[in-house]
Amino acid sequence: MQKKFATLLVLVMLVAVAPAMAEQTESVYEGEWHNFPFFGFSLYMPETWFAYDDGNFTYLYCNADETQWMVIDVFGNNEYTIDTLYEALSTDDNMVGVAEMTIGDVPFIGYDMLLNDAFGLLTLSSDETLMYVFEFSPYNDDKLISTAAQIMSSIQTDVPELGPVTITRDGEYIRSDPTDTGEEIKAVRRGETYEV
């Protein structure tokens, strides 16, 4: 197993035995909740991190001095379980150090992407219909490994609730499934509200 994931596994074990995130004010960073209600998950992120809009990624976050990055991708899933994802990633030549782990009560698969100078963690929604992929860079940043373990220990992966959704930016579409590649059904505008 690669050195980075050996370190991450130790950090995961330390975070897993600690109290709930809300009670860890002395042992973790000060932060705030970032909610992704359409995709059914929330993360407790460092307050010094912010959403960075570069036009290419749906969710791209970085620290204040833009030296640490986290990309979040969400994909529809109708064929994989955590076990079959592990098998698929283990045979992918682009992934090294593939490992199964549990952070809190959530099963994850970790992997290193040395060519992209990144390491990643992925998991599934509680009903396995969505795949959440979190990739962190740079790969060689030990402080980022600690931050990544703490962010992932906070994840709440409930299935999305039905209810109203207000559009927060222009250029969005209602799609046939909750991915960026789903068929575009209708263009929507900032400020419009729809019942999901």
Protein backbone atom coordinates (compact mmCIF):
# COMPACT_ATOMS: atom_id res chain seq x y z
CA MET A 1 0.00 0.00 0.00
CA GLN A 2 1.25 3.49 -0.78
CA LYS A 3 2.65 5.67 2.03
CA LYS A 4 -0.10 8.28 1.70
CA PHE A 5 -2.88 5.80 2.37
CA ALA A 6 -1.03 4.20 5.26
CA THR A 7 -0.91 7.69 6.81
CA LEU A 8 -4.55 8.35 5.92
CA LEU A 9 -5.66 5.07 7.51
CA VAL A 10 -3.94 6.01 10.78
CA LEU A 11 -5.61 9.44 10.70
CA VAL A 12 -8.98 7.84 9.94
CA MET A 13 -8.62 5.57 12.96
CA LEU A 14 -7.78 8.57 15.16
CA VAL A 15 -10.74 10.59 13.86
CA ALA A 16 -13.13 7.61 14.10
CA VAL A 17 -12.57 7.18 17.84
CA ALA A 18 -12.98 10.89 18.58
CA PRO A 19 -16.33 12.43 19.69
CA ALA A 20 -18.88 13.74 17.17
CA MET A 21 -17.69 16.60 14.92
CA ALA A 22 -19.79 19.18 16.76
CA GLU A 23 -17.96 18.30 19.99
CA GLN A 24 -14.44 18.25 18.51
CA THR A 25 -13.79 21.98 18.65
CA GLU A 26 -10.36 21.52 20.29
CA SER A 27 -9.13 18.65 18.13
CA VAL A 28 -10.27 19.78 14.68
CA TYR A 29 -10.33 22.98 12.66
CA GLU A 30 -12.97 25.65 13.10
CA GLY A 31 -15.41 25.24 10.26
CA GLU A 32 -18.88 25.47 8.82
CA TRP A 33 -21.31 23.07 7.21
CA HIS A 34 -21.56 22.99 3.43
CA ASN A 35 -24.81 21.39 2.34
CA PHE A 36 -25.43 19.76 -1.02
CA PRO A 37 -29.16 19.03 -0.59
CA PHE A 38 -29.85 18.05 -4.20
CA PHE A 39 -27.19 15.34 -3.92
CA GLY A 40 -28.06 14.38 -0.34
CA PHE A 41 -24.86 15.05 1.57
CA SER A 42 -23.23 17.61 3.86
CA LEU A 43 -19.62 18.25 4.86
CA TYR A 44 -18.05 20.17 7.74
CA MET A 45 -15.33 22.20 5.98
CA PRO A 46 -12.59 24.45 7.39
CA GLU A 47 -13.86 28.02 7.61
CA THR A 48 -10.77 29.13 5.65
CA TRP A 49 -11.82 27.04 2.64
CA PHE A 50 -14.09 28.45 -0.03
CA ALA A 51 -15.89 27.42 -3.19
CA TYR A 52 -13.74 28.26 -6.20
CA ASP A 53 -15.53 28.79 -9.50
CA ASP A 54 -13.30 27.98 -12.47
CA GLY A 55 -16.15 27.00 -14.80
CA ASN A 56 -14.96 23.39 -15.18
CA PHE A 57 -15.94 21.67 -11.95
CA THR A 58 -19.34 21.64 -10.30
CA TYR A 59 -17.77 21.74 -6.84
CA LEU A 60 -14.19 22.93 -6.40
CA TYR A 61 -12.92 24.07 -3.00
CA CYS A 62 -9.56 25.42 -1.91
CA ASN A 63 -7.89 26.85 1.15
CA ALA A 64 -7.37 30.59 1.57
CA ASP A 65 -3.95 30.69 -0.08
CA GLU A 66 -5.05 28.34 -2.91
CA THR A 67 -2.43 25.67 -2.17
CA GLN A 68 -4.81 22.83 -1.20
CA TRP A 69 -7.71 21.72 -3.38
CA MET A 70 -10.73 19.44 -3.16
CA VAL A 71 -12.85 18.51 -6.19
CA ILE A 72 -16.25 16.93 -5.57
CA ASP A 73 -17.99 14.97 -8.33
CA VAL A 74 -21.35 13.23 -8.06
CA PHE A 75 -22.42 10.49 -10.47
CA GLY A 76 -25.59 8.45 -10.85
CA ASN A 77 -25.01 4.81 -9.88
CA ASN A 78 -27.09 1.80 -10.82
CA GLU A 79 -24.50 -0.97 -10.94
CA TYR A 80 -21.87 -0.65 -8.22
CA THR A 81 -21.65 -1.53 -4.56
CA ILE A 82 -18.64 -0.58 -2.43
CA ASP A 83 -17.23 -4.08 -3.00
CA THR A 84 -17.57 -4.00 -6.80
CA LEU A 85 -16.17 -0.45 -6.90
CA TYR A 86 -13.13 -1.67 -4.97
CA GLU A 87 -12.63 -4.48 -7.49
CA ALA A 88 -12.96 -2.07 -10.44
CA LEU A 89 -10.54 0.50 -9.00
CA SER A 90 -8.04 -2.19 -8.00
CA THR A 91 -7.64 -3.15 -11.65
CA ASP A 92 -7.45 0.44 -12.97
CA ASP A 93 -3.86 1.26 -13.99
CA ASN A 94 -4.40 4.94 -13.13
CA MET A 95 -5.11 4.16 -9.47
CA VAL A 96 -2.53 2.97 -6.94
CA GLY A 97 -2.80 2.19 -3.25
CA VAL A 98 -6.51 1.33 -3.53
CA ALA A 99 -7.86 0.57 -0.04
CA GLU A 100 -11.22 0.02 1.61
CA MET A 101 -11.80 1.95 4.84
CA THR A 102 -14.56 3.16 7.12
CA ILE A 103 -14.63 6.78 8.23
CA GLY A 104 -17.15 7.24 11.01
CA ASP A 105 -19.84 4.76 9.94
CA VAL A 106 -19.42 5.39 6.21
CA PRO A 107 -17.53 2.94 3.95
CA PHE A 108 -15.03 4.60 1.61
CA ILE A 109 -12.54 3.52 -1.02
CA GLY A 110 -9.30 5.46 -1.05
CA TYR A 111 -6.85 5.66 -3.92
CA ASP A 112 -3.84 7.62 -5.14
CA MET A 113 -3.61 9.29 -8.56
CA LEU A 114 0.08 10.08 -8.80
CA LEU A 115 -0.13 11.36 -12.38
CA ASN A 116 -2.71 13.96 -11.25
CA ASP A 117 -0.82 14.80 -8.02
CA ALA A 118 -3.96 13.84 -6.09
CA PHE A 119 -5.49 11.28 -3.76
CA GLY A 120 -9.17 10.43 -3.66
CA LEU A 121 -11.93 8.99 -1.54
CA LEU A 122 -15.28 7.78 -2.81
CA THR A 123 -18.44 6.45 -1.26
CA LEU A 124 -22.08 5.81 -2.18
CA SER A 125 -25.30 7.39 -0.95
CA SER A 126 -27.20 5.35 1.64
CA ASP A 127 -29.43 3.89 -1.12
CA GLU A 128 -26.43 3.39 -3.49
CA THR A 129 -28.02 5.46 -6.29
CA LEU A 130 -25.32 8.17 -6.17
CA MET A 131 -21.52 7.93 -6.14
CA TYR A 132 -19.65 10.70 -4.31
CA VAL A 133 -16.04 11.25 -5.41
CA PHE A 134 -13.70 13.53 -3.43
CA GLU A 135 -10.22 14.22 -4.82
CA PHE A 136 -7.60 16.20 -2.92
CA SER A 137 -4.36 17.76 -4.15
CA PRO A 138 -1.46 18.14 -3.83
CA TYR A 139 -0.65 14.54 -3.16
CA ASN A 140 2.47 15.23 -1.08
CA ASP A 141 0.82 17.55 1.49
CA ASP A 142 0.65 15.80 4.90
CA LYS A 143 -1.50 18.58 6.41
CA LEU A 144 -4.01 18.09 3.60
CA ILE A 145 -4.22 14.37 4.43
CA SER A 146 -5.18 15.28 7.99
CA THR A 147 -7.72 17.84 6.77
CA ALA A 148 -9.18 15.36 4.26
CA ALA A 149 -9.66 12.74 6.99
CA GLN A 150 -11.47 15.28 9.18
CA ILE A 151 -13.68 16.52 6.33
CA MET A 152 -14.64 12.98 5.38
CA SER A 153 -15.36 12.04 9.01
CA SER A 154 -18.11 14.67 8.98
CA ILE A 155 -19.95 13.43 5.89
CA GLN A 156 -23.69 12.90 6.15
CA THR A 157 -24.92 10.83 3.18
CA ASP A 158 -28.68 10.70 3.52
CA VAL A 159 -30.79 10.17 0.42
CA PRO A 160 -31.99 13.54 -0.95
CA GLU A 161 -35.27 14.70 0.54
CA LEU A 162 -38.15 15.73 -1.68
CA GLY A 163 -39.03 19.38 -1.48
CA PRO A 164 -38.52 22.80 -3.05
CA VAL A 165 -35.21 23.68 -4.73
CA THR A 166 -34.31 27.28 -5.53
CA ILE A 167 -31.95 27.84 -8.45
CA THR A 168 -28.88 29.83 -7.35
CA ARG A 169 -27.20 30.58 -10.70
CA ASP A 170 -28.04 30.96 -14.37
CA GLY A 171 -27.13 28.41 -17.04
CA GLU A 172 -28.55 25.41 -15.17
CA TYR A 173 -30.91 22.72 -16.42
CA ILE A 174 -33.38 20.26 -15.02
CA ARG A 175 -31.91 16.94 -16.09
CA SER A 176 -33.18 13.39 -16.43
CA ASP A 177 -30.90 12.22 -13.58
CA PRO A 178 -28.76 13.92 -10.90
CA THR A 179 -25.57 14.19 -12.96
CA ASP A 180 -24.02 16.76 -15.28
CA THR A 181 -24.48 14.38 -18.21
CA GLY A 182 -28.20 13.65 -17.81
CA GLU A 183 -30.51 14.70 -20.64
CA GLU A 184 -31.40 18.40 -20.44
CA ILE A 185 -35.16 18.60 -19.89
CA LYS A 186 -35.61 22.32 -19.22
CA ALA A 187 -33.42 25.44 -18.81
CA VAL A 188 -33.95 27.19 -15.47
CA ARG A 189 -33.10 30.68 -14.18
CA ARG A 190 -31.63 32.02 -10.98
CA GLY A 191 -34.30 32.61 -8.32
CA GLU A 192 -36.85 30.13 -9.72
CA THR A 193 -38.12 27.48 -7.29
CA TYR A 194 -39.12 23.96 -8.25
CA GLU A 195 -40.63 21.07 -6.31
CA VAL A 196 -38.36 18.01 -6.55
